[in-house]
Amino acid sequence: MPDAGAAPADGELPAIDLADLPSRRGEEIGVSDWIEITQAMVDRFADLTFDHSWIHVDPARAASESPYRTTIAHGFLSLSLLSRLLHGAVRVGGVRFGINAGFDRVRMTDAVPVGSRVRARFVLAEVAPIDGGLRLGWDVSIERDGSDKPVLVARWLTRLLG
């Protein structure tokens, strides 16, 4: 997470000080901007993960055989976007660096058709002191534009060191 450093530029998120996070437990801390899921993103992810299932990479076949009538993003692609979505939703000042500490739970609850837009909501569910910083548990929900049902819900653990 970026440090507070200089004054925020236009459009930059205001920073929450690391020391203030314990008092924010239980609050929605941020909502990211929308990101469009493109076929190019899905194809690159398929190449990186060796998962070239037709449901992800064959638009013609997906149009005729898939219940979604288009290709869909890999569930792990949606999960991997959490870092980008968090950086666009939450800015914590006084942090030297952050570490991904894993997940307590992850559920992929709906498909993400190519061409969809997604965003994430971050609720600070857990805060625990660790040597030099805090361990945070984020209740994250990734939403698809136009749907009432989230496409992914998770408890994501991070460590921020000041």
N, C-alpha and C. Protein backbone atom coordinates (compact mmCIF):
# COMPACT_ATOMS: atom_id res chain seq x y z
N MET A 1 0.84 -1.18 0.00
CA MET A 1 0.00 0.00 0.00
C MET A 1 0.88 1.24 0.00
N PRO A 2 0.51 2.22 -0.77
CA PRO A 2 1.31 3.44 -0.81
C PRO A 2 1.32 4.15 0.54
N ASP A 3 2.40 4.84 0.81
CA ASP A 3 2.52 5.59 2.05
C ASP A 3 1.88 6.97 1.89
N ALA A 4 1.57 7.59 3.01
CA ALA A 4 0.91 8.90 2.99
C ALA A 4 1.78 9.95 2.30
N GLY A 5 3.07 9.96 2.59
CA GLY A 5 4.02 10.84 1.94
C GLY A 5 3.52 12.25 1.69
N ALA A 6 3.52 12.65 0.42
CA ALA A 6 3.15 14.02 0.03
C ALA A 6 1.63 14.18 0.01
N ALA A 7 1.22 15.40 -0.22
CA ALA A 7 -0.21 15.70 -0.32
C ALA A 7 -0.81 14.91 -1.47
N PRO A 8 -2.07 14.44 -1.30
CA PRO A 8 -2.70 13.65 -2.36
C PRO A 8 -2.87 14.44 -3.65
N ALA A 9 -2.63 13.77 -4.77
CA ALA A 9 -2.91 14.36 -6.08
C ALA A 9 -4.41 14.27 -6.33
N ASP A 10 -4.88 15.01 -7.35
CA ASP A 10 -6.29 14.94 -7.70
C ASP A 10 -6.69 13.50 -7.93
N GLY A 11 -7.80 13.08 -7.34
CA GLY A 11 -8.29 11.73 -7.52
C GLY A 11 -7.62 10.69 -6.64
N GLU A 12 -6.58 11.07 -5.91
CA GLU A 12 -5.88 10.12 -5.06
C GLU A 12 -6.66 9.94 -3.76
N LEU A 13 -6.65 8.74 -3.26
CA LEU A 13 -7.36 8.43 -2.02
C LEU A 13 -6.71 9.11 -0.82
N PRO A 14 -7.49 9.61 0.11
CA PRO A 14 -6.91 10.09 1.36
C PRO A 14 -6.37 8.90 2.15
N ALA A 15 -5.29 9.11 2.86
CA ALA A 15 -4.67 8.03 3.63
C ALA A 15 -5.31 7.91 5.01
N ILE A 16 -5.45 6.67 5.43
CA ILE A 16 -5.82 6.34 6.81
C ILE A 16 -4.51 5.97 7.50
N ASP A 17 -4.24 6.55 8.64
CA ASP A 17 -3.00 6.24 9.32
C ASP A 17 -3.04 4.82 9.88
N LEU A 18 -1.93 4.13 9.78
CA LEU A 18 -1.82 2.76 10.29
C LEU A 18 -2.29 2.66 11.74
N ALA A 19 -1.92 3.64 12.54
CA ALA A 19 -2.29 3.63 13.97
C ALA A 19 -3.80 3.78 14.19
N ASP A 20 -4.52 4.31 13.20
CA ASP A 20 -5.96 4.51 13.34
C ASP A 20 -6.79 3.30 12.92
N LEU A 21 -6.17 2.30 12.31
CA LEU A 21 -6.94 1.17 11.80
C LEU A 21 -7.68 0.38 12.90
N PRO A 22 -7.09 0.17 14.08
CA PRO A 22 -7.86 -0.58 15.09
C PRO A 22 -9.21 0.05 15.42
N SER A 23 -9.30 1.36 15.39
CA SER A 23 -10.58 2.01 15.69
C SER A 23 -11.57 1.92 14.53
N ARG A 24 -11.13 1.45 13.38
CA ARG A 24 -11.98 1.35 12.19
C ARG A 24 -12.52 -0.07 11.97
N ARG A 25 -12.21 -0.97 12.91
CA ARG A 25 -12.68 -2.35 12.78
C ARG A 25 -14.20 -2.38 12.62
N GLY A 26 -14.65 -3.21 11.68
CA GLY A 26 -16.07 -3.34 11.41
C GLY A 26 -16.60 -2.38 10.36
N GLU A 27 -15.78 -1.45 9.92
CA GLU A 27 -16.22 -0.44 8.94
C GLU A 27 -15.87 -0.84 7.52
N GLU A 28 -16.70 -0.40 6.58
CA GLU A 28 -16.31 -0.47 5.19
C GLU A 28 -15.29 0.63 4.97
N ILE A 29 -14.07 0.24 4.61
CA ILE A 29 -12.97 1.19 4.49
C ILE A 29 -12.86 1.75 3.07
N GLY A 30 -13.25 0.97 2.08
CA GLY A 30 -13.13 1.46 0.72
C GLY A 30 -13.88 0.62 -0.29
N VAL A 31 -14.18 1.27 -1.41
CA VAL A 31 -14.80 0.63 -2.57
C VAL A 31 -13.95 1.02 -3.77
N SER A 32 -13.54 0.05 -4.54
CA SER A 32 -12.67 0.33 -5.69
C SER A 32 -13.46 0.91 -6.85
N ASP A 33 -12.74 1.40 -7.83
CA ASP A 33 -13.34 1.77 -9.11
C ASP A 33 -13.69 0.49 -9.86
N TRP A 34 -14.50 0.63 -10.88
CA TRP A 34 -14.86 -0.50 -11.74
C TRP A 34 -13.69 -0.84 -12.66
N ILE A 35 -13.51 -2.14 -12.91
CA ILE A 35 -12.52 -2.65 -13.86
C ILE A 35 -13.26 -3.51 -14.87
N GLU A 36 -13.02 -3.26 -16.15
CA GLU A 36 -13.63 -4.11 -17.18
C GLU A 36 -12.78 -5.36 -17.38
N ILE A 37 -13.43 -6.50 -17.42
CA ILE A 37 -12.76 -7.77 -17.67
C ILE A 37 -12.78 -8.01 -19.17
N THR A 38 -11.61 -7.99 -19.80
CA THR A 38 -11.51 -8.13 -21.24
C THR A 38 -11.06 -9.54 -21.63
N GLN A 39 -11.31 -9.89 -22.87
CA GLN A 39 -10.85 -11.19 -23.36
C GLN A 39 -9.33 -11.26 -23.33
N ALA A 40 -8.66 -10.15 -23.61
CA ALA A 40 -7.19 -10.13 -23.57
C ALA A 40 -6.69 -10.47 -22.16
N MET A 41 -7.33 -9.93 -21.12
CA MET A 41 -6.94 -10.26 -19.75
C MET A 41 -7.10 -11.76 -19.48
N VAL A 42 -8.25 -12.29 -19.90
CA VAL A 42 -8.55 -13.71 -19.67
C VAL A 42 -7.55 -14.58 -20.43
N ASP A 43 -7.23 -14.21 -21.66
CA ASP A 43 -6.28 -14.99 -22.47
C ASP A 43 -4.88 -14.97 -21.84
N ARG A 44 -4.44 -13.80 -21.35
CA ARG A 44 -3.12 -13.73 -20.70
C ARG A 44 -3.11 -14.57 -19.43
N PHE A 45 -4.20 -14.51 -18.66
CA PHE A 45 -4.27 -15.33 -17.45
C PHE A 45 -4.25 -16.81 -17.80
N ALA A 46 -4.95 -17.20 -18.86
CA ALA A 46 -4.95 -18.60 -19.30
C ALA A 46 -3.53 -19.05 -19.66
N ASP A 47 -2.79 -18.18 -20.35
CA ASP A 47 -1.42 -18.52 -20.71
C ASP A 47 -0.54 -18.69 -19.47
N LEU A 48 -0.71 -17.82 -18.49
CA LEU A 48 0.11 -17.89 -17.27
C LEU A 48 -0.20 -19.11 -16.41
N THR A 49 -1.46 -19.53 -16.42
CA THR A 49 -1.88 -20.62 -15.53
C THR A 49 -2.07 -21.95 -16.26
N PHE A 50 -1.88 -21.95 -17.57
CA PHE A 50 -2.06 -23.15 -18.39
C PHE A 50 -3.49 -23.69 -18.31
N ASP A 51 -4.44 -22.80 -18.07
CA ASP A 51 -5.85 -23.18 -18.03
C ASP A 51 -6.53 -22.58 -19.25
N HIS A 52 -6.53 -23.35 -20.35
CA HIS A 52 -7.08 -22.89 -21.61
C HIS A 52 -8.44 -23.51 -21.90
N SER A 53 -9.22 -23.75 -20.86
CA SER A 53 -10.55 -24.30 -21.04
C SER A 53 -11.35 -23.40 -21.99
N TRP A 54 -12.11 -24.02 -22.89
CA TRP A 54 -12.86 -23.27 -23.89
C TRP A 54 -13.80 -22.24 -23.28
N ILE A 55 -14.31 -22.50 -22.10
CA ILE A 55 -15.24 -21.56 -21.45
C ILE A 55 -14.58 -20.21 -21.20
N HIS A 56 -13.23 -20.21 -21.16
CA HIS A 56 -12.47 -18.98 -20.93
C HIS A 56 -11.91 -18.38 -22.22
N VAL A 57 -11.48 -19.21 -23.16
CA VAL A 57 -10.66 -18.70 -24.27
C VAL A 57 -11.25 -18.90 -25.67
N ASP A 58 -12.40 -19.49 -25.80
CA ASP A 58 -12.98 -19.74 -27.12
C ASP A 58 -14.33 -19.03 -27.23
N PRO A 59 -14.32 -17.75 -27.63
CA PRO A 59 -15.57 -16.99 -27.70
C PRO A 59 -16.62 -17.62 -28.60
N ALA A 60 -16.21 -18.18 -29.74
CA ALA A 60 -17.20 -18.77 -30.65
C ALA A 60 -17.89 -19.98 -30.01
N ARG A 61 -17.12 -20.85 -29.42
CA ARG A 61 -17.72 -22.02 -28.77
C ARG A 61 -18.56 -21.60 -27.57
N ALA A 62 -18.06 -20.65 -26.78
CA ALA A 62 -18.81 -20.18 -25.61
C ALA A 62 -20.14 -19.56 -26.04
N ALA A 63 -20.14 -18.85 -27.17
CA ALA A 63 -21.37 -18.22 -27.65
C ALA A 63 -22.44 -19.27 -27.97
N SER A 64 -22.01 -20.45 -28.42
CA SER A 64 -23.00 -21.46 -28.80
C SER A 64 -23.25 -22.51 -27.71
N GLU A 65 -22.28 -22.78 -26.84
CA GLU A 65 -22.42 -23.88 -25.87
C GLU A 65 -22.51 -23.46 -24.41
N SER A 66 -22.07 -22.27 -24.08
CA SER A 66 -22.05 -21.85 -22.67
C SER A 66 -23.40 -21.27 -22.27
N PRO A 67 -23.84 -21.53 -21.05
CA PRO A 67 -25.06 -20.88 -20.58
C PRO A 67 -24.93 -19.36 -20.48
N TYR A 68 -23.69 -18.84 -20.46
CA TYR A 68 -23.44 -17.41 -20.38
C TYR A 68 -23.41 -16.75 -21.76
N ARG A 69 -23.33 -17.55 -22.80
CA ARG A 69 -23.28 -17.10 -24.20
C ARG A 69 -22.06 -16.25 -24.52
N THR A 70 -21.06 -16.34 -23.67
CA THR A 70 -19.78 -15.67 -23.89
C THR A 70 -18.75 -16.36 -23.00
N THR A 71 -17.50 -16.02 -23.20
CA THR A 71 -16.46 -16.55 -22.32
C THR A 71 -16.59 -15.90 -20.95
N ILE A 72 -16.02 -16.58 -19.96
CA ILE A 72 -16.04 -16.06 -18.59
C ILE A 72 -14.62 -16.02 -18.04
N ALA A 73 -14.40 -15.14 -17.09
CA ALA A 73 -13.10 -15.03 -16.43
C ALA A 73 -12.88 -16.25 -15.53
N HIS A 74 -11.65 -16.64 -15.38
CA HIS A 74 -11.28 -17.66 -14.41
C HIS A 74 -11.61 -17.13 -13.02
N GLY A 75 -12.09 -18.00 -12.14
CA GLY A 75 -12.32 -17.59 -10.76
C GLY A 75 -11.06 -17.07 -10.11
N PHE A 76 -9.92 -17.72 -10.44
CA PHE A 76 -8.65 -17.27 -9.86
C PHE A 76 -8.20 -15.94 -10.45
N LEU A 77 -8.65 -15.59 -11.63
CA LEU A 77 -8.37 -14.25 -12.16
C LEU A 77 -9.07 -13.21 -11.30
N SER A 78 -10.33 -13.46 -11.00
CA SER A 78 -11.07 -12.53 -10.12
C SER A 78 -10.36 -12.40 -8.79
N LEU A 79 -9.94 -13.52 -8.22
CA LEU A 79 -9.24 -13.50 -6.93
C LEU A 79 -7.93 -12.73 -7.04
N SER A 80 -7.20 -12.92 -8.13
CA SER A 80 -5.89 -12.27 -8.27
C SER A 80 -6.02 -10.75 -8.44
N LEU A 81 -7.18 -10.27 -8.83
CA LEU A 81 -7.38 -8.82 -8.97
C LEU A 81 -7.53 -8.10 -7.63
N LEU A 82 -7.64 -8.86 -6.54
CA LEU A 82 -7.85 -8.21 -5.24
C LEU A 82 -6.76 -7.21 -4.90
N SER A 83 -5.51 -7.52 -5.21
CA SER A 83 -4.43 -6.57 -4.90
C SER A 83 -4.66 -5.24 -5.61
N ARG A 84 -4.96 -5.31 -6.90
CA ARG A 84 -5.21 -4.08 -7.66
C ARG A 84 -6.44 -3.35 -7.13
N LEU A 85 -7.48 -4.10 -6.84
CA LEU A 85 -8.71 -3.48 -6.34
C LEU A 85 -8.48 -2.82 -4.97
N LEU A 86 -7.72 -3.47 -4.10
CA LEU A 86 -7.42 -2.88 -2.79
C LEU A 86 -6.63 -1.59 -2.94
N HIS A 87 -5.63 -1.60 -3.83
CA HIS A 87 -4.83 -0.39 -4.02
C HIS A 87 -5.65 0.76 -4.57
N GLY A 88 -6.74 0.46 -5.24
CA GLY A 88 -7.61 1.50 -5.75
C GLY A 88 -8.70 1.92 -4.79
N ALA A 89 -8.77 1.26 -3.62
CA ALA A 89 -9.85 1.53 -2.68
C ALA A 89 -9.39 2.00 -1.31
N VAL A 90 -8.18 1.60 -0.92
CA VAL A 90 -7.70 1.86 0.44
C VAL A 90 -6.26 2.34 0.36
N ARG A 91 -5.98 3.41 1.09
CA ARG A 91 -4.61 3.93 1.18
C ARG A 91 -4.28 4.11 2.66
N VAL A 92 -3.24 3.42 3.10
CA VAL A 92 -2.85 3.49 4.51
C VAL A 92 -1.50 4.19 4.61
N GLY A 93 -1.44 5.24 5.43
CA GLY A 93 -0.20 5.98 5.65
C GLY A 93 0.60 5.37 6.78
N GLY A 94 1.90 5.61 6.76
CA GLY A 94 2.78 5.11 7.81
C GLY A 94 3.17 3.65 7.62
N VAL A 95 3.05 3.16 6.39
CA VAL A 95 3.35 1.75 6.10
C VAL A 95 4.63 1.67 5.28
N ARG A 96 5.60 0.87 5.77
CA ARG A 96 6.81 0.61 4.98
C ARG A 96 6.51 -0.37 3.86
N PHE A 97 5.77 -1.44 4.19
CA PHE A 97 5.35 -2.40 3.18
C PHE A 97 4.25 -3.29 3.73
N GLY A 98 3.52 -3.90 2.79
CA GLY A 98 2.45 -4.82 3.14
C GLY A 98 2.74 -6.19 2.58
N ILE A 99 2.18 -7.20 3.23
CA ILE A 99 2.39 -8.59 2.83
C ILE A 99 1.03 -9.28 2.74
N ASN A 100 0.83 -10.01 1.68
CA ASN A 100 -0.34 -10.86 1.55
C ASN A 100 -0.13 -12.05 2.47
N ALA A 101 -1.06 -12.30 3.38
CA ALA A 101 -0.93 -13.40 4.35
C ALA A 101 -1.90 -14.54 4.07
N GLY A 102 -2.62 -14.49 2.96
CA GLY A 102 -3.49 -15.59 2.58
C GLY A 102 -4.96 -15.30 2.83
N PHE A 103 -5.74 -16.38 2.90
CA PHE A 103 -7.18 -16.28 3.02
C PHE A 103 -7.69 -17.25 4.07
N ASP A 104 -8.66 -16.80 4.85
CA ASP A 104 -9.37 -17.72 5.73
C ASP A 104 -10.46 -18.45 4.96
N ARG A 105 -11.07 -17.77 4.00
CA ARG A 105 -12.08 -18.41 3.15
C ARG A 105 -12.23 -17.62 1.87
N VAL A 106 -12.59 -18.35 0.82
CA VAL A 106 -12.85 -17.76 -0.49
C VAL A 106 -14.00 -18.53 -1.10
N ARG A 107 -14.96 -17.82 -1.64
CA ARG A 107 -16.06 -18.43 -2.38
C ARG A 107 -16.26 -17.66 -3.67
N MET A 108 -16.24 -18.38 -4.78
CA MET A 108 -16.56 -17.81 -6.09
C MET A 108 -18.04 -18.10 -6.31
N THR A 109 -18.85 -17.07 -6.18
CA THR A 109 -20.30 -17.25 -6.08
C THR A 109 -21.06 -17.03 -7.37
N ASP A 110 -20.40 -16.49 -8.39
CA ASP A 110 -21.06 -16.29 -9.67
C ASP A 110 -19.99 -16.09 -10.73
N ALA A 111 -20.37 -16.28 -11.99
CA ALA A 111 -19.44 -16.11 -13.11
C ALA A 111 -19.24 -14.64 -13.44
N VAL A 112 -18.12 -14.36 -14.09
CA VAL A 112 -17.82 -13.02 -14.58
C VAL A 112 -17.67 -13.11 -16.10
N PRO A 113 -18.74 -12.84 -16.84
CA PRO A 113 -18.64 -12.86 -18.30
C PRO A 113 -17.66 -11.80 -18.80
N VAL A 114 -16.91 -12.14 -19.85
CA VAL A 114 -16.02 -11.17 -20.47
C VAL A 114 -16.86 -9.97 -20.91
N GLY A 115 -16.32 -8.79 -20.68
CA GLY A 115 -17.02 -7.55 -20.97
C GLY A 115 -17.69 -6.97 -19.74
N SER A 116 -17.77 -7.76 -18.66
CA SER A 116 -18.34 -7.27 -17.40
C SER A 116 -17.39 -6.30 -16.73
N ARG A 117 -17.96 -5.48 -15.87
CA ARG A 117 -17.17 -4.62 -14.99
C ARG A 117 -17.32 -5.13 -13.57
N VAL A 118 -16.20 -5.13 -12.83
CA VAL A 118 -16.23 -5.56 -11.44
C VAL A 118 -15.58 -4.49 -10.56
N ARG A 119 -15.97 -4.50 -9.30
CA ARG A 119 -15.33 -3.66 -8.30
C ARG A 119 -15.39 -4.43 -6.98
N ALA A 120 -14.64 -3.95 -5.98
CA ALA A 120 -14.60 -4.63 -4.69
C ALA A 120 -14.92 -3.67 -3.56
N ARG A 121 -15.56 -4.24 -2.54
CA ARG A 121 -15.81 -3.54 -1.28
C ARG A 121 -14.95 -4.19 -0.21
N PHE A 122 -14.32 -3.36 0.62
CA PHE A 122 -13.40 -3.84 1.65
C PHE A 122 -13.89 -3.40 3.03
N VAL A 123 -14.26 -4.37 3.85
CA VAL A 123 -14.67 -4.14 5.23
C VAL A 123 -13.53 -4.65 6.11
N LEU A 124 -13.06 -3.82 7.02
CA LEU A 124 -12.00 -4.21 7.94
C LEU A 124 -12.62 -5.03 9.07
N ALA A 125 -12.49 -6.35 8.98
CA ALA A 125 -13.16 -7.26 9.91
C ALA A 125 -12.30 -7.65 11.09
N GLU A 126 -10.98 -7.69 10.90
CA GLU A 126 -10.06 -8.09 11.98
C GLU A 126 -8.87 -7.15 12.00
N VAL A 127 -8.41 -6.83 13.20
CA VAL A 127 -7.20 -6.06 13.38
C VAL A 127 -6.47 -6.65 14.57
N ALA A 128 -5.23 -7.08 14.36
CA ALA A 128 -4.44 -7.64 15.46
C ALA A 128 -3.02 -7.09 15.38
N PRO A 129 -2.46 -6.69 16.54
CA PRO A 129 -1.09 -6.20 16.51
C PRO A 129 -0.12 -7.36 16.24
N ILE A 130 0.89 -7.07 15.46
CA ILE A 130 2.01 -7.98 15.24
C ILE A 130 3.28 -7.17 15.42
N ASP A 131 4.41 -7.82 15.52
CA ASP A 131 5.67 -7.13 15.70
C ASP A 131 5.90 -6.16 14.55
N GLY A 132 5.88 -4.87 14.83
CA GLY A 132 6.14 -3.85 13.83
C GLY A 132 4.95 -3.39 13.02
N GLY A 133 3.75 -3.89 13.33
CA GLY A 133 2.61 -3.46 12.53
C GLY A 133 1.31 -4.12 12.93
N LEU A 134 0.49 -4.40 11.93
CA LEU A 134 -0.84 -4.97 12.16
C LEU A 134 -1.11 -6.11 11.19
N ARG A 135 -1.85 -7.11 11.68
CA ARG A 135 -2.42 -8.12 10.80
C ARG A 135 -3.88 -7.74 10.62
N LEU A 136 -4.32 -7.67 9.37
CA LEU A 136 -5.68 -7.25 9.05
C LEU A 136 -6.43 -8.39 8.37
N GLY A 137 -7.70 -8.49 8.69
CA GLY A 137 -8.59 -9.40 7.99
C GLY A 137 -9.64 -8.58 7.28
N TRP A 138 -9.66 -8.66 5.97
CA TRP A 138 -10.60 -7.90 5.15
C TRP A 138 -11.73 -8.81 4.69
N ASP A 139 -12.97 -8.43 4.95
CA ASP A 139 -14.10 -9.08 4.32
C ASP A 139 -14.30 -8.38 2.99
N VAL A 140 -14.06 -9.12 1.93
CA VAL A 140 -14.07 -8.56 0.58
C VAL A 140 -15.23 -9.15 -0.20
N SER A 141 -15.88 -8.30 -0.94
CA SER A 141 -16.94 -8.73 -1.85
C SER A 141 -16.66 -8.10 -3.20
N ILE A 142 -16.51 -8.94 -4.24
CA ILE A 142 -16.37 -8.43 -5.59
C ILE A 142 -17.74 -8.45 -6.23
N GLU A 143 -18.14 -7.30 -6.73
CA GLU A 143 -19.45 -7.12 -7.35
C GLU A 143 -19.30 -7.02 -8.86
N ARG A 144 -20.29 -7.50 -9.59
CA ARG A 144 -20.36 -7.32 -11.04
C ARG A 144 -21.40 -6.26 -11.34
N ASP A 145 -21.06 -5.31 -12.16
CA ASP A 145 -21.97 -4.23 -12.53
C ASP A 145 -23.26 -4.82 -13.09
N GLY A 146 -24.39 -4.39 -12.54
CA GLY A 146 -25.69 -4.84 -13.02
C GLY A 146 -26.22 -6.08 -12.33
N SER A 147 -25.46 -6.63 -11.38
CA SER A 147 -25.91 -7.84 -10.67
C SER A 147 -26.03 -7.54 -9.18
N ASP A 148 -27.04 -8.11 -8.56
CA ASP A 148 -27.20 -7.96 -7.11
C ASP A 148 -26.38 -8.98 -6.34
N LYS A 149 -25.91 -10.02 -7.03
CA LYS A 149 -25.18 -11.11 -6.39
C LYS A 149 -23.67 -10.89 -6.55
N PRO A 150 -22.90 -10.99 -5.47
CA PRO A 150 -21.44 -10.86 -5.62
C PRO A 150 -20.88 -12.03 -6.43
N VAL A 151 -19.76 -11.79 -7.07
CA VAL A 151 -19.11 -12.87 -7.83
C VAL A 151 -18.05 -13.57 -7.00
N LEU A 152 -17.61 -12.92 -5.93
CA LEU A 152 -16.60 -13.52 -5.05
C LEU A 152 -16.72 -12.88 -3.67
N VAL A 153 -16.64 -13.70 -2.65
CA VAL A 153 -16.57 -13.21 -1.28
C VAL A 153 -15.39 -13.91 -0.60
N ALA A 154 -14.69 -13.18 0.24
CA ALA A 154 -13.48 -13.74 0.87
C ALA A 154 -13.17 -13.03 2.17
N ARG A 155 -12.43 -13.72 3.01
CA ARG A 155 -11.75 -13.10 4.16
C ARG A 155 -10.27 -13.15 3.81
N TRP A 156 -9.72 -11.99 3.50
CA TRP A 156 -8.34 -11.86 3.04
C TRP A 156 -7.49 -11.32 4.17
N LEU A 157 -6.38 -11.96 4.43
CA LEU A 157 -5.47 -11.57 5.50
C LEU A 157 -4.26 -10.85 4.91
N THR A 158 -3.94 -9.71 5.48
CA THR A 158 -2.75 -8.96 5.09
C THR A 158 -2.00 -8.55 6.34
N ARG A 159 -0.72 -8.22 6.14
CA ARG A 159 0.10 -7.68 7.23
C ARG A 159 0.68 -6.37 6.73
N LEU A 160 0.54 -5.34 7.54
CA LEU A 160 1.11 -4.03 7.22
C LEU A 160 2.17 -3.71 8.28
N LEU A 161 3.35 -3.38 7.82
CA LEU A 161 4.45 -3.06 8.74
C LEU A 161 4.81 -1.59 8.60
N GLY A 162 4.90 -0.92 9.75
CA GLY A 162 5.18 0.52 9.75
C GLY A 162 6.64 0.81 9.93
